[in-house]
Amino acid sequence: MTGFHSVYGSSPEGVWEAPGRVNLIGEHTDYNDGFVMPLALPQTCRVEAARRDDGVLRLHSADTSGGVTELRVDTLGPQSPGTAGDRGGWAAYPAGVAWALRAAGHQVGGADLHFESSVPTGAGLSSSAALEVATAVALDGLYGLGLPPHRIAELCRRAENEFAGVPCGVMDQMASACCTEGHALYLDTRDLTRRQVPLDLAAKGLRLLVVDTRVKHALGDGAYAERRAGCEAAAAELGVPSLRGVTPGELPSALGRLTDASLRPLVRHVVTENERVARTIRLLDAGETHAVGPVLTEGHASLRDDFRVSCPELDLVVEASNTAGALGARMTGGGFGGSAIVLVREDAAESVAKAVAEAFAEAGHRAPSVFEAVPGPGARRVTDA
């Protein structure tokens, strides 16, 4: 018996799943129209789904203690009771996707959806985007919409921005919808042009570790929106549509023109981070994957010192990893907790992971969770029933 059957007493029409993501490089650049390079994780959000003909949307998660959330699709809106109204309930994400699809003119009716996710929540690995994209591909499949992956990502971003109230960029949804196995996704978030970049770390004798610190500092709740607002204010003062409009060569002049000194480090991070993405793509194209390590560490320093979104636990991962012989490391995701990535030679992976665990124990932190990131496929239908 499936989880769907145990909840709804019937069989699903199909099963879909969408992955979480880890971002190799390009942090806090997506809402500045910049460049990013995420890859899909093996961990996914899976949804069993079936259509309903009465316009009712029923949502159930095996990962929460609550029961079934029941809504009507024709009354969904950004302030729907029990979803977006509390700005934190998990049901806001799938309900928001149904709303965004209908708002875009797509004929989506009722459905029963049952979710199970292996993407860690609060770890900076885009569990919410996986939930959204899984919902979207399921509804797309149930109602025969035929939407391309990038359009699904755009609608899921709208759901998260306008319905769930999270001012995120489009990277997470694009990664979950559009990544391909064995590749990183080189994405221009301004026009959504993208390229699948081969990332066969094993062939280079390398591994990419994800270290989930298993902490989330409350500061991150409002600080993300503050950083985004600061970037938008800086762009307005500089007379550009977004900070993507400032090139590395123009950076010194741009910093000098800003009257608010607190905005300067934000601009410096975004401009130099875009340059780090460009550097990383050149290294990968040249087969010099080992040389990406120092770029990661440089990016962490910028996130820590200029953008100020790191935290002691993330800094400790980077310091302990590099001291133990990693090629490079950095925080990934929004910050203030969550995860870091560590690029290591294959023969050093175990010793580096051990060094991080020992450093956490010595500092009195909760033991981190460490796993390997192997580029996986994007959202997909996995079975008909």
Protein backbone atom coordinates (compact mmCIF):
# COMPACT_ATOMS: atom_id res chain seq x y z
CA MET A 1 0.00 0.00 0.00
CA THR A 2 1.34 3.42 -0.93
CA GLY A 3 1.34 6.45 1.33
CA PHE A 4 -1.23 7.95 -1.03
CA HIS A 5 -3.58 5.00 -0.60
CA SER A 6 -3.27 5.05 3.18
CA VAL A 7 -4.26 8.75 3.23
CA TYR A 8 -6.86 8.96 0.48
CA GLY A 9 -8.10 5.36 0.19
CA SER A 10 -7.44 5.14 -3.54
CA SER A 11 -4.55 4.78 -5.96
CA PRO A 12 -2.55 7.65 -7.51
CA GLU A 13 -2.50 8.26 -11.25
CA GLY A 14 1.24 8.76 -11.20
CA VAL A 15 4.33 9.62 -9.21
CA TRP A 16 6.61 12.56 -9.85
CA GLU A 17 9.72 13.86 -8.12
CA ALA A 18 11.93 16.94 -8.07
CA PRO A 19 15.39 17.26 -6.53
CA GLY A 20 16.93 19.60 -4.04
CA ARG A 21 20.01 21.45 -5.20
CA VAL A 22 23.40 22.54 -4.06
CA ASN A 23 24.97 25.63 -5.56
CA LEU A 24 28.56 25.22 -6.68
CA ILE A 25 29.16 28.96 -7.08
CA GLY A 26 27.10 32.12 -7.54
CA GLU A 27 25.45 33.00 -4.24
CA HIS A 28 22.95 35.85 -3.77
CA THR A 29 23.40 36.73 -7.43
CA ASP A 30 20.17 35.32 -8.83
CA TYR A 31 17.94 38.14 -7.58
CA ASN A 32 20.52 40.55 -8.99
CA ASP A 33 20.13 39.14 -12.54
CA GLY A 34 23.53 37.47 -12.20
CA PHE A 35 25.10 34.09 -12.90
CA VAL A 36 24.79 30.88 -10.90
CA MET A 37 25.96 27.28 -11.21
CA PRO A 38 23.84 24.82 -9.21
CA LEU A 39 23.57 21.05 -9.51
CA ALA A 40 20.71 18.73 -8.60
CA LEU A 41 21.08 16.48 -5.58
CA PRO A 42 20.07 12.81 -5.33
CA GLN A 43 17.66 13.81 -2.54
CA THR A 44 14.19 14.53 -3.89
CA CYS A 45 10.64 15.48 -3.02
CA ARG A 46 8.30 12.79 -4.34
CA VAL A 47 4.58 13.30 -4.90
CA GLU A 48 1.87 10.76 -5.62
CA ALA A 49 -1.04 12.47 -7.31
CA ALA A 50 -4.49 12.00 -8.76
CA ARG A 51 -7.04 14.36 -10.30
CA ARG A 52 -10.30 15.38 -8.67
CA ASP A 53 -13.34 16.64 -10.56
CA ASP A 54 -14.78 18.77 -7.75
CA GLY A 55 -12.21 21.58 -7.70
CA VAL A 56 -10.83 20.53 -4.32
CA LEU A 57 -7.09 20.45 -3.68
CA ARG A 58 -6.05 18.10 -0.89
CA LEU A 59 -2.46 18.16 0.38
CA HIS A 60 -0.74 15.74 2.73
CA SER A 61 2.90 15.38 3.76
CA ALA A 62 4.43 12.28 5.31
CA ASP A 63 7.11 14.57 6.76
CA THR A 64 4.83 16.65 9.01
CA SER A 65 2.55 15.76 11.90
CA GLY A 66 -0.46 17.55 10.47
CA GLY A 67 -3.34 16.00 8.62
CA VAL A 68 -4.76 16.77 5.20
CA THR A 69 -5.03 20.41 4.13
CA GLU A 70 -8.12 20.92 1.97
CA LEU A 71 -8.63 23.96 -0.27
CA ARG A 72 -10.65 24.97 -3.29
CA VAL A 73 -8.57 25.86 -6.34
CA ASP A 74 -11.02 28.54 -7.48
CA THR A 75 -10.60 30.49 -4.23
CA LEU A 76 -6.81 30.30 -3.96
CA GLY A 77 -5.01 33.60 -3.58
CA PRO A 78 -1.89 34.96 -1.88
CA GLN A 79 -3.82 35.33 1.40
CA SER A 80 -5.64 32.01 1.38
CA PRO A 81 -6.47 30.96 4.96
CA GLY A 82 -4.26 28.21 6.30
CA THR A 83 -1.62 28.59 3.61
CA ALA A 84 0.10 31.87 2.85
CA GLY A 85 -1.67 33.60 5.71
CA ASP A 86 0.71 32.15 8.29
CA ARG A 87 3.81 32.70 6.09
CA GLY A 88 5.44 29.46 7.12
CA GLY A 89 3.01 26.59 6.68
CA TRP A 90 4.39 24.02 4.24
CA ALA A 91 1.04 23.88 2.37
CA ALA A 92 1.61 27.43 1.10
CA TYR A 93 4.16 26.10 -1.38
CA PRO A 94 2.07 23.50 -3.27
CA ALA A 95 -1.08 25.62 -2.94
CA GLY A 96 0.85 28.56 -4.36
CA VAL A 97 1.90 26.49 -7.35
CA ALA A 98 -1.70 25.59 -8.15
CA TRP A 99 -2.61 29.29 -7.83
CA ALA A 100 0.29 30.39 -10.07
CA LEU A 101 -0.62 27.86 -12.77
CA ARG A 102 -4.24 29.01 -12.78
CA ALA A 103 -3.24 32.68 -12.65
CA ALA A 104 -1.16 32.09 -15.79
CA GLY A 105 -4.24 30.76 -17.59
CA HIS A 106 -3.62 27.03 -17.30
CA GLN A 107 -6.65 24.81 -16.75
CA VAL A 108 -5.76 23.13 -13.48
CA GLY A 109 -8.55 21.62 -11.41
CA GLY A 110 -8.60 19.72 -8.15
CA ALA A 111 -6.15 17.05 -7.08
CA ASP A 112 -5.11 14.80 -4.24
CA LEU A 113 -1.36 15.09 -3.52
CA HIS A 114 0.75 13.11 -1.07
CA PHE A 115 4.36 14.23 -0.51
CA GLU A 116 7.44 12.50 0.87
CA SER A 117 10.81 14.27 0.82
CA SER A 118 14.40 13.23 1.46
CA VAL A 119 15.69 16.79 1.00
CA PRO A 120 16.81 18.10 4.42
CA THR A 121 14.74 21.09 5.49
CA GLY A 122 16.46 24.25 6.69
CA ALA A 123 19.77 23.07 5.24
CA GLY A 124 20.03 25.57 2.38
CA LEU A 125 19.42 22.78 -0.15
CA SER A 126 16.14 24.10 -1.58
CA SER A 127 13.62 21.77 0.00
CA SER A 128 10.92 24.36 -0.74
CA ALA A 129 11.82 24.57 -4.44
CA ALA A 130 11.78 20.77 -4.66
CA LEU A 131 8.29 20.78 -3.12
CA GLU A 132 7.10 23.45 -5.55
CA VAL A 133 8.57 21.88 -8.67
CA ALA A 134 7.33 18.41 -7.73
CA THR A 135 3.84 19.89 -7.40
CA ALA A 136 4.13 21.68 -10.72
CA VAL A 137 5.30 18.67 -12.74
CA ALA A 138 2.58 16.54 -11.13
CA LEU A 139 -0.18 19.02 -11.99
CA ASP A 140 1.36 19.49 -15.44
CA GLY A 141 1.23 15.74 -15.98
CA LEU A 142 -2.25 15.25 -14.55
CA TYR A 143 -3.76 18.03 -16.66
CA GLY A 144 -1.64 17.63 -19.81
CA LEU A 145 -0.29 21.18 -19.79
CA GLY A 146 2.97 20.36 -21.60
CA LEU A 147 4.93 23.15 -19.92
CA PRO A 148 8.69 23.27 -20.57
CA PRO A 149 10.94 22.98 -17.51
CA HIS A 150 12.04 26.62 -17.50
CA ARG A 151 8.41 27.79 -17.52
CA ILE A 152 7.61 25.50 -14.62
CA ALA A 153 10.52 27.08 -12.74
CA GLU A 154 9.27 30.60 -13.44
CA LEU A 155 5.78 29.80 -12.18
CA CYS A 156 7.15 28.11 -9.06
CA ARG A 157 9.23 31.18 -8.33
CA ARG A 158 6.10 33.32 -8.66
CA ALA A 159 4.34 31.00 -6.22
CA GLU A 160 7.13 31.37 -3.67
CA ASN A 161 7.44 35.15 -4.11
CA GLU A 162 3.78 36.14 -4.23
CA PHE A 163 1.97 33.33 -2.44
CA ALA A 164 4.41 32.02 0.16
CA GLY A 165 5.90 35.50 0.62
CA VAL A 166 9.56 34.56 0.17
CA PRO A 167 11.52 37.07 -2.00
CA CYS A 168 13.80 34.45 -3.60
CA GLY A 169 15.43 34.51 -7.00
CA VAL A 170 14.83 31.89 -9.68
CA MET A 171 17.94 29.74 -9.24
CA ASP A 172 16.48 27.11 -6.93
CA GLN A 173 13.45 26.39 -9.08
CA MET A 174 15.52 26.38 -12.28
CA ALA A 175 17.97 23.92 -10.75
CA SER A 176 15.20 21.58 -9.59
CA ALA A 177 13.40 21.73 -12.93
CA CYS A 178 16.23 21.96 -15.45
CA CYS A 179 19.37 20.22 -14.17
CA THR A 180 20.62 17.09 -15.92
CA GLU A 181 22.50 14.13 -14.53
CA GLY A 182 26.29 14.49 -14.46
CA HIS A 183 26.19 18.25 -15.07
CA ALA A 184 26.13 21.59 -13.32
CA LEU A 185 23.69 24.18 -14.67
CA TYR A 186 25.38 27.39 -15.81
CA LEU A 187 22.49 29.84 -15.70
CA ASP A 188 22.11 33.49 -16.61
CA THR A 189 19.23 34.51 -14.35
CA ARG A 190 18.50 37.65 -16.36
CA ASP A 191 17.34 35.92 -19.55
CA LEU A 192 17.37 32.28 -18.34
CA THR A 193 19.85 31.19 -20.99
CA ARG A 194 21.64 28.14 -19.68
CA ARG A 195 24.22 25.51 -20.48
CA GLN A 196 24.70 22.06 -19.02
CA VAL A 197 28.34 21.85 -17.94
CA PRO A 198 29.83 18.35 -17.54
CA LEU A 199 30.86 17.78 -13.93
CA ASP A 200 32.38 14.31 -13.61
CA LEU A 201 34.27 14.80 -10.37
CA ALA A 202 35.06 11.09 -9.95
CA ALA A 203 36.93 11.07 -13.27
CA LYS A 204 39.16 13.81 -11.84
CA GLY A 205 39.70 11.96 -8.59
CA LEU A 206 37.57 14.48 -6.71
CA ARG A 207 34.49 14.51 -4.51
CA LEU A 208 32.13 17.30 -3.54
CA LEU A 209 30.98 16.98 0.05
CA VAL A 210 27.92 18.69 1.49
CA VAL A 211 28.21 19.48 5.19
CA ASP A 212 24.82 20.21 6.75
CA THR A 213 25.57 22.13 9.94
CA ARG A 214 22.04 21.28 11.15
CA VAL A 215 21.64 24.80 12.52
CA LYS A 216 19.51 27.71 11.35
CA HIS A 217 19.93 31.07 13.00
CA ALA A 218 16.79 33.20 13.37
CA LEU A 219 18.63 36.21 11.96
CA GLY A 220 18.28 34.69 8.52
CA ASP A 221 14.52 35.13 8.45
CA GLY A 222 14.57 38.88 7.82
CA ALA A 223 18.18 39.35 6.80
CA TYR A 224 17.68 37.77 3.38
CA ALA A 225 15.02 40.34 2.51
CA GLU A 226 17.25 43.10 3.91
CA ARG A 227 20.15 42.06 1.68
CA ARG A 228 17.92 41.98 -1.36
CA ALA A 229 16.48 45.41 -0.55
CA GLY A 230 20.00 46.76 -0.10
CA CYS A 231 21.05 45.42 -3.51
CA GLU A 232 18.01 47.00 -5.15
CA ALA A 233 18.69 50.33 -3.43
CA ALA A 234 22.30 50.27 -4.61
CA ALA A 235 21.28 49.49 -8.19
CA ALA A 236 18.80 52.37 -8.14
CA GLU A 237 21.42 54.80 -6.89
CA LEU A 238 23.90 53.61 -9.53
CA GLY A 239 21.30 53.98 -12.26
CA VAL A 240 21.31 50.35 -13.41
CA PRO A 241 18.36 47.92 -13.59
CA SER A 242 20.20 45.49 -11.32
CA LEU A 243 23.71 44.96 -9.97
CA ARG A 244 24.36 42.74 -13.00
CA GLY A 245 24.82 46.07 -14.76
CA VAL A 246 28.06 46.76 -12.88
CA THR A 247 31.13 45.11 -14.41
CA PRO A 248 34.29 44.23 -12.45
CA GLY A 249 36.12 47.06 -14.20
CA GLU A 250 33.45 49.54 -13.12
CA LEU A 251 33.39 48.35 -9.51
CA PRO A 252 35.81 50.91 -7.96
CA SER A 253 33.95 53.80 -9.56
CA ALA A 254 30.57 52.38 -8.58
CA LEU A 255 31.61 51.96 -4.94
CA GLY A 256 32.80 55.55 -4.86
CA ARG A 257 29.46 56.83 -6.15
CA LEU A 258 27.40 55.17 -3.43
CA THR A 259 26.48 57.62 -0.69
CA ASP A 260 25.37 54.89 1.72
CA ALA A 261 28.55 53.16 2.85
CA SER A 262 26.59 50.12 4.09
CA LEU A 263 25.65 49.27 0.50
CA ARG A 264 29.21 49.10 -0.78
CA PRO A 265 30.08 45.64 0.52
CA LEU A 266 26.84 44.25 -0.91
CA VAL A 267 27.73 45.57 -4.35
CA ARG A 268 31.31 44.33 -4.03
CA HIS A 269 30.13 40.82 -3.25
CA VAL A 270 27.63 40.59 -6.11
CA VAL A 271 30.03 41.93 -8.74
CA THR A 272 32.97 39.78 -7.62
CA GLU A 273 30.72 36.71 -7.22
CA ASN A 274 29.59 37.02 -10.83
CA GLU A 275 33.25 37.14 -11.79
CA ARG A 276 33.90 34.01 -9.72
CA VAL A 277 31.17 32.18 -11.64
CA ALA A 278 32.85 33.23 -14.89
CA ARG A 279 36.20 32.03 -13.57
CA THR A 280 34.72 28.70 -12.52
CA ILE A 281 33.15 28.04 -15.90
CA ARG A 282 36.48 28.76 -17.60
CA LEU A 283 38.27 26.33 -15.29
CA LEU A 284 35.71 23.58 -15.83
CA ASP A 285 35.78 24.08 -19.60
CA ALA A 286 39.58 23.79 -19.50
CA GLY A 287 39.42 20.61 -17.42
CA GLU A 288 41.11 22.32 -14.46
CA THR A 289 38.54 21.21 -11.91
CA HIS A 290 41.06 21.11 -9.05
CA ALA A 291 41.61 24.85 -9.44
CA VAL A 292 37.96 25.56 -8.59
CA GLY A 293 38.74 24.92 -4.91
CA PRO A 294 40.39 28.28 -4.14
CA VAL A 295 37.56 30.08 -5.94
CA LEU A 296 35.10 28.47 -3.52
CA THR A 297 37.09 29.62 -0.51
CA GLU A 298 37.38 33.12 -1.94
CA GLY A 299 33.62 33.16 -2.41
CA HIS A 300 33.08 32.17 1.21
CA ALA A 301 35.24 35.05 2.42
CA SER A 302 33.10 37.43 0.38
CA LEU A 303 29.86 35.99 1.75
CA ARG A 304 31.26 36.17 5.28
CA ASP A 305 32.86 39.60 5.21
CA ASP A 306 31.01 41.61 2.55
CA PHE A 307 27.53 40.08 2.38
CA ARG A 308 27.59 39.01 6.03
CA VAL A 309 25.39 35.93 5.67
CA SER A 310 27.70 33.33 7.18
CA CYS A 311 27.73 32.12 10.80
CA PRO A 312 30.27 30.51 13.16
CA GLU A 313 29.28 26.96 12.21
CA LEU A 314 29.68 27.60 8.48
CA ASP A 315 32.98 29.39 9.03
CA LEU A 316 34.20 26.42 11.07
CA VAL A 317 33.37 23.97 8.26
CA VAL A 318 35.44 26.01 5.82
CA GLU A 319 38.35 26.52 8.21
CA ALA A 320 38.51 22.91 9.40
CA SER A 321 38.14 21.52 5.86
CA ASN A 322 40.89 23.64 4.37
CA THR A 323 43.19 22.99 7.31
CA ALA A 324 42.66 19.25 6.82
CA GLY A 325 43.65 19.42 3.15
CA ALA A 326 40.50 20.25 1.19
CA LEU A 327 40.96 22.04 -2.11
CA GLY A 328 38.39 24.65 -1.11
CA ALA A 329 35.10 25.16 0.68
CA ARG A 330 32.30 27.67 1.07
CA MET A 331 28.84 28.11 2.49
CA THR A 332 26.03 27.43 0.04
CA GLY A 333 22.46 28.70 0.08
CA GLY A 334 21.03 31.74 1.80
CA GLY A 335 23.26 31.52 4.87
CA PHE A 336 22.91 32.01 8.64
CA GLY A 337 23.17 28.24 8.96
CA GLY A 338 22.40 25.44 6.57
CA SER A 339 25.15 23.81 4.54
CA ALA A 340 28.63 24.25 3.17
CA ILE A 341 30.29 22.47 0.26
CA VAL A 342 33.81 21.10 0.32
CA LEU A 343 35.85 20.11 -2.75
CA VAL A 344 38.31 17.36 -1.84
CA ARG A 345 40.58 14.83 -3.47
CA GLU A 346 38.96 11.43 -3.26
CA ASP A 347 41.65 10.02 -0.98
CA ALA A 348 41.19 12.92 1.47
CA ALA A 349 37.38 12.89 1.73
CA GLU A 350 37.21 10.70 4.82
CA SER A 351 39.91 12.57 6.73
CA VAL A 352 38.40 15.96 5.90
CA ALA A 353 34.93 14.85 7.02
CA LYS A 354 36.46 13.51 10.25
CA ALA A 355 38.31 16.77 10.86
CA VAL A 356 35.08 18.76 10.49
CA ALA A 357 33.23 16.46 12.90
CA GLU A 358 36.04 16.76 15.45
CA ALA A 359 36.09 20.55 15.12
CA PHE A 360 32.34 20.69 15.75
CA ALA A 361 32.63 18.45 18.79
CA GLU A 362 35.46 20.55 20.21
CA ALA A 363 33.41 23.73 19.71
CA GLY A 364 30.41 22.17 21.41
CA HIS A 365 28.27 22.19 18.26
CA ARG A 366 25.77 19.54 17.27
CA ALA A 367 27.38 16.92 15.01
CA PRO A 368 27.04 17.87 11.33
CA SER A 369 25.69 15.61 8.61
CA VAL A 370 28.05 14.95 5.70
CA PHE A 371 27.15 13.41 2.35
CA GLU A 372 28.49 13.45 -1.19
CA ALA A 373 26.88 15.57 -3.88
CA VAL A 374 26.71 13.74 -7.21
CA PRO A 375 24.99 15.75 -9.97
CA GLY A 376 21.57 14.19 -10.54
CA PRO A 377 18.66 14.72 -12.93
CA GLY A 378 16.00 17.39 -12.64
CA ALA A 379 12.26 16.96 -12.09
CA ARG A 380 10.62 14.00 -13.77
CA ARG A 381 7.76 11.51 -13.77
CA VAL A 382 9.02 8.31 -12.16
CA THR A 383 6.05 5.97 -12.56
CA ASP A 384 2.49 5.89 -13.80
CA ALA A 385 1.15 4.57 -10.50
